[in-house]
C-alpha cells in the first residue's frame, strides 16, 4: 500500500529520489505516533523463543536468540543473492533499478517489479523485528537505531551494493563490540556514525565503490 499510494505517485511525478526518502521518513513518524496513541510508548518484553536464557561461549553469556538472528540473517542473504543473480525476476528487479525506461522497453513491468521489491523489503523488516523482539524488547522506536546503522553499513560498504552492505554491517558490529568491551558502552553508537563520517569524507562511494546510475 505504501508503494502503491505514496512511492509510485512520487515516481510518476518524476520526483527526486531524496523526496522519496523524505516521504518514507515522514510516513514512519506518522505511523509511530499513531501507534503510540493506540498502544502507548512502553517497551514490552517479547516472549523468548528458546527455553534456555543464556548460552556460555568462551566465558560470555549470550542469548540463544542472537545465534538465531545470525543464522536467519545468513540464510536470508544467501537466498536474496541467489534470487537476484540466478532468477529471471531478480534480474528484472536489478534492471528496473538501474534504468526504468530501458527495462520497460524490453518488456519488464517496472511498476509491478517496484511494488514487489517494496513488499520484499517490508517482509524482511518484519522478519528482523520478530528476531530482534526477544533480544531487545518491543517498542515504537525499536527499528530507528537499527535502521540508521543499516543505512550506515550500506554507505560504508557502497550504497546499492548488497555485498558492501554485508561488509559494512560486519565492520560496524565488530567496532561496536570492541568499543563497548574495551572502552565504554557509552561510545558504542558514537563510533558507528564516526566511521560513517570518515567514509563519506575519504571514500564517498564506499569500500566497494558503488556505481551511480543516472536515471
N, C-alpha and C. Protein backbone atom coordinates (compact mmCIF):
# COMPACT_ATOMS: atom_id res chain seq x y z
N UNK A 1 0.83 -1.21 0.00
CA UNK A 1 0.00 0.00 0.00
C UNK A 1 0.86 1.27 0.00
N UNK A 2 1.97 1.23 0.78
CA UNK A 2 2.87 2.39 0.81
C UNK A 2 3.45 2.64 -0.58
N UNK A 3 3.86 1.56 -1.24
CA UNK A 3 4.43 1.71 -2.58
C UNK A 3 3.38 2.21 -3.56
N UNK A 4 2.18 1.66 -3.47
CA UNK A 4 1.14 1.96 -4.45
C UNK A 4 0.62 3.38 -4.31
N UNK A 5 0.41 3.84 -3.07
CA UNK A 5 -0.25 5.12 -2.87
C UNK A 5 0.70 6.26 -2.49
N UNK A 6 1.97 5.96 -2.29
CA UNK A 6 2.92 7.02 -1.96
C UNK A 6 4.13 7.01 -2.90
N UNK A 7 4.86 5.92 -2.91
CA UNK A 7 6.10 5.86 -3.69
C UNK A 7 5.82 5.98 -5.18
N UNK A 8 4.85 5.20 -5.66
CA UNK A 8 4.57 5.20 -7.10
C UNK A 8 4.07 6.56 -7.55
N UNK A 9 3.29 7.24 -6.71
CA UNK A 9 2.80 8.58 -7.06
C UNK A 9 3.96 9.54 -7.25
N UNK A 10 4.92 9.48 -6.33
CA UNK A 10 6.09 10.36 -6.42
C UNK A 10 6.94 10.03 -7.64
N UNK A 11 7.14 8.73 -7.89
CA UNK A 11 7.95 8.33 -9.05
C UNK A 11 7.28 8.73 -10.36
N UNK A 12 5.95 8.61 -10.42
CA UNK A 12 5.24 9.00 -11.63
C UNK A 12 5.35 10.51 -11.89
N UNK A 13 5.54 11.27 -10.81
CA UNK A 13 5.70 12.72 -10.95
C UNK A 13 7.17 13.10 -11.16
N UNK A 14 8.02 12.08 -11.39
CA UNK A 14 9.46 12.30 -11.62
C UNK A 14 10.13 13.01 -10.44
N UNK A 15 9.68 12.68 -9.24
CA UNK A 15 10.25 13.31 -8.05
C UNK A 15 11.68 12.83 -7.84
N UNK A 16 12.49 13.70 -7.26
CA UNK A 16 13.88 13.35 -6.95
C UNK A 16 13.90 12.22 -5.92
N UNK A 17 14.90 11.32 -6.00
CA UNK A 17 14.99 10.23 -5.03
C UNK A 17 15.01 10.71 -3.58
N UNK A 18 15.58 11.90 -3.33
CA UNK A 18 15.64 12.40 -1.95
C UNK A 18 14.24 12.66 -1.42
N UNK A 19 13.31 13.06 -2.30
CA UNK A 19 11.93 13.29 -1.86
C UNK A 19 11.25 11.97 -1.50
N UNK A 20 11.60 10.91 -2.22
CA UNK A 20 11.05 9.59 -1.89
C UNK A 20 11.53 9.16 -0.51
N UNK A 21 12.82 9.37 -0.24
CA UNK A 21 13.38 9.02 1.07
C UNK A 21 12.71 9.84 2.17
N UNK A 22 12.58 11.14 1.94
CA UNK A 22 11.96 12.01 2.95
C UNK A 22 10.51 11.64 3.19
N UNK A 23 9.81 11.22 2.15
CA UNK A 23 8.40 10.85 2.32
C UNK A 23 8.26 9.60 3.19
N UNK A 24 9.18 8.64 3.03
CA UNK A 24 9.11 7.44 3.87
C UNK A 24 9.45 7.76 5.32
N UNK A 25 10.39 8.69 5.54
CA UNK A 25 10.71 9.12 6.91
C UNK A 25 9.50 9.80 7.55
N UNK A 26 8.87 10.68 6.78
CA UNK A 26 7.68 11.37 7.29
C UNK A 26 6.57 10.38 7.62
N UNK A 27 6.37 9.39 6.74
CA UNK A 27 5.34 8.38 6.99
C UNK A 27 5.65 7.56 8.23
N UNK A 28 6.94 7.24 8.44
CA UNK A 28 7.30 6.47 9.63
C UNK A 28 6.97 7.24 10.91
N UNK A 29 7.18 8.56 10.89
CA UNK A 29 6.85 9.39 12.06
C UNK A 29 5.35 9.38 12.31
N UNK A 30 4.57 9.48 11.24
CA UNK A 30 3.11 9.44 11.37
C UNK A 30 2.65 8.09 11.94
N UNK A 31 3.21 6.99 11.41
CA UNK A 31 2.82 5.66 11.88
C UNK A 31 3.22 5.43 13.34
N UNK A 32 4.42 5.89 13.71
CA UNK A 32 4.88 5.72 15.09
C UNK A 32 4.01 6.49 16.07
N UNK A 33 3.66 7.70 15.72
CA UNK A 33 2.81 8.50 16.62
C UNK A 33 1.40 7.95 16.70
N UNK A 34 0.91 7.42 15.58
CA UNK A 34 -0.41 6.79 15.59
C UNK A 34 -0.41 5.56 16.48
N UNK A 35 0.63 4.74 16.35
CA UNK A 35 0.75 3.54 17.19
C UNK A 35 0.88 3.91 18.67
N UNK A 36 1.58 5.01 18.95
CA UNK A 36 1.72 5.44 20.34
C UNK A 36 0.38 5.82 20.95
N UNK A 37 -0.47 6.46 20.16
CA UNK A 37 -1.79 6.83 20.65
C UNK A 37 -2.66 5.60 20.93
N UNK A 38 -2.44 4.54 20.16
CA UNK A 38 -3.26 3.34 20.32
C UNK A 38 -2.73 2.42 21.41
N UNK A 39 -1.41 2.13 21.40
CA UNK A 39 -0.84 1.12 22.30
C UNK A 39 0.05 1.67 23.40
N UNK A 40 0.37 2.98 23.35
CA UNK A 40 1.26 3.54 24.36
C UNK A 40 2.71 3.43 23.92
N UNK A 41 3.62 3.94 24.77
CA UNK A 41 5.04 4.02 24.39
C UNK A 41 5.95 3.14 25.24
N UNK A 42 5.40 2.28 26.08
CA UNK A 42 6.22 1.43 26.93
C UNK A 42 6.91 0.34 26.13
N UNK A 43 8.12 -0.02 26.55
CA UNK A 43 8.83 -1.14 25.94
C UNK A 43 8.30 -2.44 26.55
N UNK A 44 7.85 -3.35 25.71
CA UNK A 44 7.25 -4.60 26.18
C UNK A 44 8.22 -5.76 25.96
N UNK A 45 8.16 -6.71 26.84
CA UNK A 45 9.03 -7.88 26.73
C UNK A 45 8.42 -8.89 25.77
N UNK A 46 9.16 -9.26 24.76
CA UNK A 46 8.71 -10.25 23.79
C UNK A 46 9.05 -11.64 24.32
N UNK A 47 8.16 -12.60 24.24
CA UNK A 47 8.44 -13.94 24.78
C UNK A 47 9.70 -14.55 24.16
N UNK A 48 10.51 -15.20 24.99
CA UNK A 48 11.72 -15.85 24.50
C UNK A 48 11.36 -17.01 23.58
N UNK A 49 12.16 -17.19 22.55
CA UNK A 49 11.91 -18.28 21.60
C UNK A 49 12.40 -19.60 22.17
N UNK A 50 13.51 -19.56 22.93
CA UNK A 50 14.11 -20.76 23.49
C UNK A 50 13.88 -20.81 25.00
N UNK A 51 13.87 -22.02 25.53
CA UNK A 51 13.70 -22.18 26.98
C UNK A 51 14.96 -21.80 27.75
N UNK A 52 16.13 -21.92 27.10
CA UNK A 52 17.40 -21.57 27.73
C UNK A 52 17.57 -20.05 27.67
N UNK A 53 17.89 -19.45 28.82
CA UNK A 53 18.01 -18.00 28.88
C UNK A 53 19.29 -17.51 28.22
N UNK A 54 20.44 -18.11 28.59
CA UNK A 54 21.72 -17.72 28.02
C UNK A 54 22.55 -18.97 27.72
N UNK A 55 23.54 -18.80 26.84
CA UNK A 55 24.48 -19.86 26.50
C UNK A 55 25.88 -19.34 26.76
N UNK A 56 26.70 -20.13 27.43
CA UNK A 56 28.06 -19.71 27.73
C UNK A 56 28.98 -19.98 26.54
N UNK A 57 29.60 -18.91 26.01
CA UNK A 57 30.53 -19.03 24.89
C UNK A 57 31.83 -18.34 25.28
N UNK A 58 32.85 -19.12 25.54
CA UNK A 58 34.17 -18.59 25.92
C UNK A 58 34.08 -17.62 27.10
N UNK A 59 33.24 -17.98 28.05
CA UNK A 59 33.11 -17.16 29.26
C UNK A 59 32.12 -16.03 29.17
N UNK A 60 31.48 -15.86 28.01
CA UNK A 60 30.48 -14.80 27.83
C UNK A 60 29.09 -15.41 27.74
N UNK A 61 28.13 -14.79 28.43
CA UNK A 61 26.75 -15.25 28.41
C UNK A 61 26.01 -14.60 27.24
N UNK A 62 25.56 -15.41 26.30
CA UNK A 62 24.92 -14.90 25.09
C UNK A 62 23.53 -15.51 24.96
N UNK A 63 22.57 -14.66 24.59
CA UNK A 63 21.21 -15.15 24.35
C UNK A 63 21.19 -16.08 23.13
N UNK A 64 20.50 -17.21 23.24
CA UNK A 64 20.44 -18.12 22.07
C UNK A 64 19.75 -17.46 20.88
N UNK A 65 18.87 -16.47 21.14
CA UNK A 65 18.22 -15.76 20.04
C UNK A 65 19.23 -15.03 19.17
N UNK A 66 20.38 -14.65 19.74
CA UNK A 66 21.42 -13.97 18.95
C UNK A 66 21.96 -14.89 17.86
N UNK A 67 22.11 -16.17 18.19
CA UNK A 67 22.57 -17.14 17.19
C UNK A 67 21.50 -17.33 16.11
N UNK A 68 20.24 -17.29 16.53
CA UNK A 68 19.15 -17.41 15.57
C UNK A 68 19.15 -16.23 14.61
N UNK A 69 19.40 -15.03 15.16
CA UNK A 69 19.47 -13.83 14.32
C UNK A 69 20.56 -13.98 13.26
N UNK A 70 21.73 -14.46 13.67
CA UNK A 70 22.84 -14.63 12.72
C UNK A 70 22.51 -15.69 11.67
N UNK A 71 21.91 -16.79 12.11
CA UNK A 71 21.60 -17.88 11.18
C UNK A 71 20.56 -17.44 10.15
N UNK A 72 19.48 -16.83 10.63
CA UNK A 72 18.43 -16.38 9.71
C UNK A 72 18.95 -15.27 8.80
N UNK A 73 19.78 -14.38 9.35
CA UNK A 73 20.37 -13.33 8.53
C UNK A 73 21.22 -13.89 7.42
N UNK A 74 22.04 -14.90 7.74
CA UNK A 74 22.90 -15.52 6.73
C UNK A 74 22.06 -16.22 5.66
N UNK A 75 21.04 -16.96 6.09
CA UNK A 75 20.16 -17.65 5.14
C UNK A 75 19.45 -16.64 4.24
N UNK A 76 19.00 -15.53 4.82
CA UNK A 76 18.31 -14.50 4.05
C UNK A 76 19.23 -13.90 3.00
N UNK A 77 20.48 -13.62 3.39
CA UNK A 77 21.43 -13.02 2.45
C UNK A 77 21.74 -13.96 1.29
N UNK A 78 21.94 -15.24 1.61
CA UNK A 78 22.23 -16.21 0.56
C UNK A 78 21.02 -16.36 -0.38
N UNK A 79 19.82 -16.40 0.21
CA UNK A 79 18.60 -16.53 -0.59
C UNK A 79 18.42 -15.34 -1.52
N UNK A 80 18.63 -14.13 -0.98
CA UNK A 80 18.49 -12.93 -1.81
C UNK A 80 19.54 -12.90 -2.91
N UNK A 81 20.75 -13.34 -2.59
CA UNK A 81 21.82 -13.38 -3.60
C UNK A 81 21.42 -14.30 -4.76
N UNK A 82 20.94 -15.48 -4.42
CA UNK A 82 20.53 -16.43 -5.46
C UNK A 82 19.37 -15.87 -6.27
N UNK A 83 18.41 -15.27 -5.56
CA UNK A 83 17.24 -14.71 -6.23
C UNK A 83 17.63 -13.58 -7.18
N UNK A 84 18.53 -12.69 -6.74
CA UNK A 84 18.88 -11.52 -7.53
C UNK A 84 19.79 -11.84 -8.70
N UNK A 85 20.56 -12.92 -8.60
CA UNK A 85 21.55 -13.22 -9.64
C UNK A 85 21.18 -14.39 -10.54
N UNK A 86 20.36 -15.31 -10.04
CA UNK A 86 20.08 -16.53 -10.79
C UNK A 86 18.67 -16.62 -11.34
N UNK A 87 17.75 -15.84 -10.79
CA UNK A 87 16.35 -15.93 -11.20
C UNK A 87 15.98 -14.77 -12.11
N UNK A 88 15.07 -15.04 -13.03
CA UNK A 88 14.70 -14.06 -14.04
C UNK A 88 14.10 -12.81 -13.42
N UNK A 89 13.24 -12.98 -12.42
CA UNK A 89 12.60 -11.81 -11.82
C UNK A 89 13.60 -10.97 -11.04
N UNK A 90 14.58 -11.64 -10.41
CA UNK A 90 15.62 -10.89 -9.71
C UNK A 90 16.43 -10.03 -10.66
N UNK A 91 16.72 -10.57 -11.83
CA UNK A 91 17.43 -9.80 -12.86
C UNK A 91 16.57 -8.63 -13.33
N UNK A 92 15.27 -8.85 -13.44
CA UNK A 92 14.35 -7.78 -13.83
C UNK A 92 14.34 -6.66 -12.78
N UNK A 93 14.41 -7.03 -11.51
CA UNK A 93 14.44 -6.05 -10.44
C UNK A 93 15.68 -5.18 -10.53
N UNK A 94 16.82 -5.80 -10.79
CA UNK A 94 18.07 -5.03 -10.90
C UNK A 94 18.05 -4.13 -12.12
N UNK A 95 17.48 -4.63 -13.21
CA UNK A 95 17.40 -3.82 -14.43
C UNK A 95 16.49 -2.61 -14.21
N UNK A 96 15.35 -2.84 -13.55
CA UNK A 96 14.41 -1.75 -13.29
C UNK A 96 15.01 -0.70 -12.37
N UNK A 97 15.87 -1.13 -11.44
CA UNK A 97 16.51 -0.19 -10.53
C UNK A 97 17.57 0.65 -11.24
N UNK A 98 18.28 0.01 -12.18
CA UNK A 98 19.36 0.71 -12.89
C UNK A 98 18.81 1.71 -13.91
N UNK A 99 17.82 1.28 -14.70
CA UNK A 99 17.29 2.15 -15.74
C UNK A 99 15.84 1.75 -16.04
N UNK A 100 14.87 2.39 -15.38
CA UNK A 100 13.46 2.01 -15.57
C UNK A 100 12.99 2.11 -17.01
N UNK A 101 13.44 3.13 -17.73
CA UNK A 101 12.99 3.32 -19.11
C UNK A 101 13.49 2.19 -20.00
N UNK A 102 14.77 1.86 -19.89
CA UNK A 102 15.32 0.77 -20.70
C UNK A 102 14.68 -0.56 -20.33
N UNK A 103 14.42 -0.75 -19.03
CA UNK A 103 13.80 -2.00 -18.58
C UNK A 103 12.40 -2.15 -19.17
N UNK A 104 11.63 -1.06 -19.17
CA UNK A 104 10.26 -1.12 -19.72
C UNK A 104 10.30 -1.34 -21.23
N UNK A 105 11.35 -0.86 -21.91
CA UNK A 105 11.46 -1.03 -23.36
C UNK A 105 11.68 -2.49 -23.76
N UNK A 106 12.26 -3.29 -22.84
CA UNK A 106 12.49 -4.70 -23.15
C UNK A 106 11.42 -5.59 -22.55
N UNK A 107 10.30 -4.98 -22.11
CA UNK A 107 9.15 -5.76 -21.67
C UNK A 107 9.02 -6.00 -20.18
N UNK A 108 9.84 -5.37 -19.37
CA UNK A 108 9.74 -5.54 -17.92
C UNK A 108 8.67 -4.61 -17.37
N UNK A 109 7.77 -5.17 -16.58
CA UNK A 109 6.74 -4.37 -15.93
C UNK A 109 7.36 -3.68 -14.73
N UNK A 110 7.81 -2.44 -14.92
CA UNK A 110 8.55 -1.73 -13.88
C UNK A 110 7.68 -1.47 -12.66
N UNK A 111 6.40 -1.12 -12.87
CA UNK A 111 5.50 -0.85 -11.75
C UNK A 111 5.34 -2.07 -10.86
N UNK A 112 5.08 -3.23 -11.47
CA UNK A 112 4.92 -4.45 -10.68
C UNK A 112 6.23 -4.83 -9.99
N UNK A 113 7.33 -4.67 -10.70
CA UNK A 113 8.64 -5.00 -10.14
C UNK A 113 8.94 -4.14 -8.92
N UNK A 114 8.65 -2.84 -9.03
CA UNK A 114 8.89 -1.93 -7.91
C UNK A 114 8.00 -2.30 -6.72
N UNK A 115 6.74 -2.62 -7.00
CA UNK A 115 5.82 -2.99 -5.93
C UNK A 115 6.28 -4.23 -5.19
N UNK A 116 6.71 -5.25 -5.91
CA UNK A 116 7.17 -6.49 -5.28
C UNK A 116 8.46 -6.24 -4.50
N UNK A 117 9.30 -5.35 -5.01
CA UNK A 117 10.54 -5.01 -4.30
C UNK A 117 10.24 -4.41 -2.94
N UNK A 118 9.28 -3.48 -2.91
CA UNK A 118 8.89 -2.87 -1.63
C UNK A 118 8.22 -3.89 -0.72
N UNK A 119 7.46 -4.80 -1.28
CA UNK A 119 6.83 -5.85 -0.47
C UNK A 119 7.89 -6.74 0.17
N UNK A 120 8.92 -7.09 -0.60
CA UNK A 120 10.01 -7.90 -0.05
C UNK A 120 10.75 -7.15 1.05
N UNK A 121 10.96 -5.85 0.85
CA UNK A 121 11.64 -5.05 1.87
C UNK A 121 10.82 -5.01 3.17
N UNK A 122 9.50 -4.86 3.03
CA UNK A 122 8.63 -4.83 4.20
C UNK A 122 8.64 -6.18 4.92
N UNK A 123 8.65 -7.27 4.15
CA UNK A 123 8.68 -8.61 4.75
C UNK A 123 9.99 -8.84 5.51
N UNK A 124 11.11 -8.40 4.94
CA UNK A 124 12.39 -8.55 5.62
C UNK A 124 12.44 -7.69 6.88
N UNK A 125 11.87 -6.50 6.83
CA UNK A 125 11.82 -5.64 8.02
C UNK A 125 10.98 -6.30 9.12
N UNK A 126 9.86 -6.90 8.73
CA UNK A 126 9.03 -7.61 9.70
C UNK A 126 9.75 -8.80 10.31
N UNK A 127 10.49 -9.53 9.48
CA UNK A 127 11.27 -10.66 9.97
C UNK A 127 12.33 -10.19 10.96
N UNK A 128 12.99 -9.08 10.63
CA UNK A 128 14.01 -8.53 11.54
C UNK A 128 13.39 -8.13 12.87
N UNK A 129 12.19 -7.54 12.83
CA UNK A 129 11.51 -7.16 14.06
C UNK A 129 11.17 -8.35 14.94
N UNK A 130 10.72 -9.44 14.31
CA UNK A 130 10.40 -10.66 15.06
C UNK A 130 11.65 -11.23 15.73
N UNK A 131 12.76 -11.21 15.01
CA UNK A 131 14.01 -11.77 15.55
C UNK A 131 14.60 -10.90 16.65
N UNK A 132 14.47 -9.57 16.52
CA UNK A 132 15.05 -8.66 17.50
C UNK A 132 14.17 -8.49 18.73
N UNK A 133 12.89 -8.81 18.62
CA UNK A 133 11.97 -8.64 19.74
C UNK A 133 12.44 -9.31 21.02
N UNK A 134 12.78 -10.61 20.99
CA UNK A 134 13.24 -11.26 22.22
C UNK A 134 14.58 -10.73 22.72
N UNK A 135 15.38 -10.13 21.84
CA UNK A 135 16.72 -9.67 22.22
C UNK A 135 16.67 -8.33 22.92
N UNK A 136 15.89 -7.39 22.39
CA UNK A 136 15.90 -6.03 22.94
C UNK A 136 14.52 -5.51 23.33
N UNK A 137 13.51 -6.37 23.29
CA UNK A 137 12.17 -5.92 23.64
C UNK A 137 11.48 -5.25 22.47
N UNK A 138 10.20 -4.99 22.64
CA UNK A 138 9.40 -4.40 21.56
C UNK A 138 8.95 -3.01 21.97
N UNK A 139 9.29 -2.02 21.15
CA UNK A 139 8.89 -0.65 21.41
C UNK A 139 8.66 0.07 20.09
N UNK A 140 8.11 1.27 20.17
CA UNK A 140 7.81 2.02 18.95
C UNK A 140 9.08 2.37 18.17
N UNK A 141 10.15 2.65 18.89
CA UNK A 141 11.38 3.08 18.22
C UNK A 141 12.42 1.99 18.08
N UNK A 142 12.00 0.73 18.19
CA UNK A 142 12.98 -0.36 18.16
C UNK A 142 13.73 -0.46 16.83
N UNK A 143 13.12 0.04 15.77
CA UNK A 143 13.77 -0.06 14.48
C UNK A 143 14.55 1.19 14.07
N UNK A 144 14.43 2.26 14.87
CA UNK A 144 15.05 3.52 14.47
C UNK A 144 16.57 3.42 14.41
N UNK A 145 17.20 3.02 15.53
CA UNK A 145 18.66 2.94 15.55
C UNK A 145 19.16 1.82 14.64
N UNK A 146 18.42 0.70 14.61
CA UNK A 146 18.81 -0.39 13.71
C UNK A 146 18.78 0.08 12.27
N UNK A 147 17.75 0.84 11.91
CA UNK A 147 17.65 1.36 10.55
C UNK A 147 18.78 2.33 10.22
N UNK A 148 19.12 3.20 11.16
CA UNK A 148 20.22 4.15 10.94
C UNK A 148 21.55 3.42 10.77
N UNK A 149 21.76 2.38 11.58
CA UNK A 149 23.00 1.62 11.47
C UNK A 149 23.02 0.79 10.18
N UNK A 150 21.86 0.32 9.77
CA UNK A 150 21.79 -0.39 8.49
C UNK A 150 22.12 0.53 7.33
N UNK A 151 21.60 1.77 7.40
CA UNK A 151 21.92 2.76 6.37
C UNK A 151 23.41 3.07 6.37
N UNK A 152 23.99 3.21 7.58
CA UNK A 152 25.42 3.47 7.70
C UNK A 152 26.23 2.32 7.11
N UNK A 153 25.81 1.09 7.37
CA UNK A 153 26.50 -0.09 6.83
C UNK A 153 26.46 -0.08 5.31
N UNK A 154 25.30 0.29 4.74
CA UNK A 154 25.17 0.33 3.28
C UNK A 154 26.08 1.39 2.68
N UNK A 155 26.17 2.55 3.32
CA UNK A 155 27.02 3.63 2.81
C UNK A 155 28.49 3.26 2.93
N UNK A 156 28.86 2.67 4.07
CA UNK A 156 30.26 2.29 4.28
C UNK A 156 30.69 1.24 3.25
N UNK A 157 29.85 0.26 3.00
CA UNK A 157 30.19 -0.78 2.05
C UNK A 157 30.11 -0.33 0.61
N UNK A 158 29.22 0.60 0.33
CA UNK A 158 29.00 1.05 -1.05
C UNK A 158 27.51 0.99 -1.32
N UNK A 159 26.83 2.14 -1.24
CA UNK A 159 25.37 2.17 -1.30
C UNK A 159 24.87 1.54 -2.60
N UNK A 160 23.96 0.58 -2.47
CA UNK A 160 23.42 -0.12 -3.63
C UNK A 160 24.11 -1.44 -3.89
N UNK A 161 25.17 -1.74 -3.14
CA UNK A 161 25.89 -3.00 -3.29
C UNK A 161 25.56 -3.89 -2.10
N UNK A 162 24.87 -5.00 -2.34
CA UNK A 162 24.43 -5.88 -1.26
C UNK A 162 25.62 -6.44 -0.47
N UNK A 163 26.67 -6.80 -1.18
CA UNK A 163 27.83 -7.38 -0.51
C UNK A 163 28.58 -6.32 0.28
N UNK A 164 28.56 -5.09 -0.22
CA UNK A 164 29.15 -3.99 0.53
C UNK A 164 28.40 -3.73 1.82
N UNK A 165 27.06 -3.85 1.76
CA UNK A 165 26.26 -3.67 2.97
C UNK A 165 26.57 -4.73 4.01
N UNK A 166 26.80 -5.96 3.55
CA UNK A 166 27.17 -7.05 4.47
C UNK A 166 28.51 -6.73 5.14
N UNK A 167 29.50 -6.32 4.32
CA UNK A 167 30.81 -5.98 4.87
C UNK A 167 30.71 -4.79 5.82
N UNK A 168 29.93 -3.77 5.41
CA UNK A 168 29.75 -2.61 6.28
C UNK A 168 29.10 -2.98 7.60
N UNK A 169 28.13 -3.89 7.56
CA UNK A 169 27.48 -4.34 8.79
C UNK A 169 28.44 -5.06 9.71
N UNK A 170 29.31 -5.90 9.13
CA UNK A 170 30.30 -6.61 9.94
C UNK A 170 31.29 -5.64 10.58
N UNK A 171 31.72 -4.64 9.82
CA UNK A 171 32.65 -3.64 10.35
C UNK A 171 32.02 -2.90 11.52
N UNK A 172 30.77 -2.47 11.33
CA UNK A 172 30.08 -1.75 12.40
C UNK A 172 29.90 -2.64 13.63
N UNK A 173 29.49 -3.89 13.40
CA UNK A 173 29.27 -4.80 14.52
C UNK A 173 30.53 -5.05 15.33
N UNK A 174 31.65 -5.31 14.65
CA UNK A 174 32.91 -5.56 15.36
C UNK A 174 33.38 -4.31 16.10
N UNK A 175 33.27 -3.15 15.45
CA UNK A 175 33.71 -1.91 16.09
C UNK A 175 32.87 -1.61 17.33
N UNK A 176 31.55 -1.78 17.22
CA UNK A 176 30.68 -1.58 18.37
C UNK A 176 31.06 -2.48 19.53
N UNK A 177 31.27 -3.75 19.22
CA UNK A 177 31.57 -4.73 20.26
C UNK A 177 32.89 -4.42 20.96
N UNK A 178 33.93 -4.11 20.19
CA UNK A 178 35.23 -3.83 20.78
C UNK A 178 35.21 -2.54 21.60
N UNK A 179 34.53 -1.52 21.11
CA UNK A 179 34.45 -0.26 21.86
C UNK A 179 33.69 -0.48 23.17
N UNK A 180 32.57 -1.21 23.10
CA UNK A 180 31.78 -1.47 24.31
C UNK A 180 32.55 -2.33 25.31
N UNK A 181 33.38 -3.27 24.80
CA UNK A 181 34.09 -4.19 25.69
C UNK A 181 35.34 -3.56 26.29
N UNK A 182 36.08 -2.78 25.50
CA UNK A 182 37.39 -2.31 25.95
C UNK A 182 37.44 -0.81 26.26
N UNK A 183 36.43 -0.05 25.87
CA UNK A 183 36.42 1.39 26.19
C UNK A 183 35.23 1.68 27.10
N UNK A 184 34.07 1.88 26.51
CA UNK A 184 32.84 2.08 27.26
C UNK A 184 31.65 1.91 26.33
N UNK A 185 30.58 1.39 26.86
CA UNK A 185 29.39 1.19 26.04
C UNK A 185 28.71 2.51 25.69
N UNK A 186 29.09 3.59 26.38
CA UNK A 186 28.50 4.90 26.09
C UNK A 186 28.88 5.39 24.70
N UNK A 187 30.04 4.93 24.18
CA UNK A 187 30.50 5.36 22.87
C UNK A 187 30.15 4.37 21.77
N UNK A 188 29.34 3.37 22.09
CA UNK A 188 29.04 2.31 21.12
C UNK A 188 28.35 2.86 19.87
N UNK A 189 27.36 3.73 20.07
CA UNK A 189 26.66 4.31 18.92
C UNK A 189 27.48 5.40 18.26
N UNK A 190 28.27 6.11 19.06
CA UNK A 190 29.09 7.20 18.52
C UNK A 190 30.07 6.68 17.46
N UNK A 191 30.70 5.55 17.73
CA UNK A 191 31.73 5.03 16.83
C UNK A 191 31.15 4.68 15.47
N UNK A 192 29.87 4.25 15.43
CA UNK A 192 29.24 3.89 14.16
C UNK A 192 29.18 5.10 13.23
N UNK A 193 28.68 6.21 13.75
CA UNK A 193 28.49 7.37 12.90
C UNK A 193 29.80 8.13 12.69
N UNK A 194 30.76 7.94 13.58
CA UNK A 194 32.09 8.50 13.36
C UNK A 194 32.75 7.81 12.15
N UNK A 195 32.62 6.48 12.09
CA UNK A 195 33.15 5.73 10.94
C UNK A 195 32.41 6.16 9.67
N UNK A 196 31.10 6.34 9.77
CA UNK A 196 30.32 6.77 8.60
C UNK A 196 30.82 8.11 8.07
N UNK A 197 31.09 9.06 8.97
CA UNK A 197 31.57 10.38 8.56
C UNK A 197 32.93 10.26 7.87
N UNK A 198 33.83 9.45 8.44
CA UNK A 198 35.15 9.27 7.83
C UNK A 198 35.03 8.67 6.43
N UNK A 199 34.16 7.67 6.28
CA UNK A 199 33.98 7.04 4.97
C UNK A 199 33.41 8.04 3.96
N UNK A 200 32.45 8.85 4.39
CA UNK A 200 31.83 9.83 3.48
C UNK A 200 32.83 10.90 3.06
N UNK A 201 33.81 11.21 3.94
CA UNK A 201 34.81 12.22 3.60
C UNK A 201 35.88 11.65 2.67
N UNK A 202 36.42 10.49 3.03
CA UNK A 202 37.58 9.95 2.31
C UNK A 202 37.21 8.89 1.25
N UNK A 203 36.05 8.22 1.40
CA UNK A 203 35.63 7.20 0.43
C UNK A 203 34.13 7.36 0.18
N UNK A 204 33.72 8.46 -0.45
CA UNK A 204 32.28 8.75 -0.60
C UNK A 204 31.49 7.67 -1.34
N UNK A 205 32.17 6.84 -2.13
CA UNK A 205 31.47 5.77 -2.85
C UNK A 205 31.55 4.45 -2.10
N UNK A 206 32.09 4.46 -0.90
CA UNK A 206 32.14 3.26 -0.08
C UNK A 206 33.31 2.35 -0.42
N UNK A 207 33.44 1.29 0.36
CA UNK A 207 34.55 0.36 0.18
C UNK A 207 34.49 -0.32 -1.18
N UNK A 208 33.27 -0.69 -1.61
CA UNK A 208 33.12 -1.38 -2.89
C UNK A 208 32.92 -0.42 -4.06
N UNK A 209 33.07 0.88 -3.78
CA UNK A 209 32.97 1.92 -4.83
C UNK A 209 31.69 1.75 -5.65
N UNK A 210 30.56 1.99 -4.99
CA UNK A 210 29.25 1.81 -5.61
C UNK A 210 29.11 2.69 -6.86
N UNK A 211 28.48 2.14 -7.88
CA UNK A 211 28.22 2.88 -9.10
C UNK A 211 26.98 3.71 -8.94
N UNK A 212 26.98 4.88 -9.54
CA UNK A 212 25.83 5.76 -9.52
C UNK A 212 25.20 5.75 -10.89
N UNK A 213 23.92 5.38 -10.96
CA UNK A 213 23.23 5.29 -12.25
C UNK A 213 22.41 6.56 -12.48
N UNK A 214 22.56 7.14 -13.61
CA UNK A 214 21.83 8.37 -13.96
C UNK A 214 20.51 7.99 -14.61
N UNK A 215 19.42 8.32 -13.92
CA UNK A 215 18.12 7.99 -14.46
C UNK A 215 17.59 9.13 -15.33
